[in-house]
Each structure stands twice: as structure tokens, then as C-alpha cells.
């Protein structure tokens, strides 16, 4: 699989922008509609963002999407956290690479996800 993804956007099932984040420990979204199979989160009460601020975690779940470049390719984000106060949807590069067996290739204007 080879998918070129603009560095500011990753495709999702509801056309919301997702940002690959090499420093994120979890996939994170502020929008509950981005999460399927929502359940209570068993873990720390909050995540910490770059400025040190703690943001509360409301729930967790998963999400799936189809590649806009090849509709035969689908993928999922497991252990997706719902953090209502987060302003961006973040894909944890290490978590996604480990869960889906892919690797990321970063360029100045896009990010390629490869298997």
C-alpha cells in the first residue's frame, strides 16, 4: 500500500482533517462523531499537550476510513481517545504504525503512509 497524505490532512470516514503526530502517544479527537464503538476510557484521566496543559479524556473507541486514493484499502484507528477540548485530530504515528504494520515517510508538503 502506498498512500500520499497531505501533511495537514489525513482522510477519514467523515472528511475531518487528521494530523500525523510523531510525538503523540494516542490517537486523539475532539469530536465524538469521529469515534465508533465508544466506551469509557480505562487509563489516565487526561492527556498533556505541548504547552503542558492537561486535557480531560471523556471516552475511547475506534474509527475506520477508506483511502481516497484506492477505495480497496481501508484502515482503522484503534484506541482513539475522545478529548473534547483538543483543537486538532491527531494520529499517533507510532501507534498507527504498530497497529497497522505501516511506516510513515515525511516530506515538506505531504506524508506518505506505506506498507
Foldseek 3Di string as FASTA:
>chain_A
DKAKFWQFADDFPVRAGEHEDQPDPAFEDLDPVQFDPKDADDDDQFDADPVRDTFGWGIWHKGKGAGPVDRVDIDMGHRYTHGNPDDHGYDHQVSRCVVVVWHWDDDPTIIMIGD
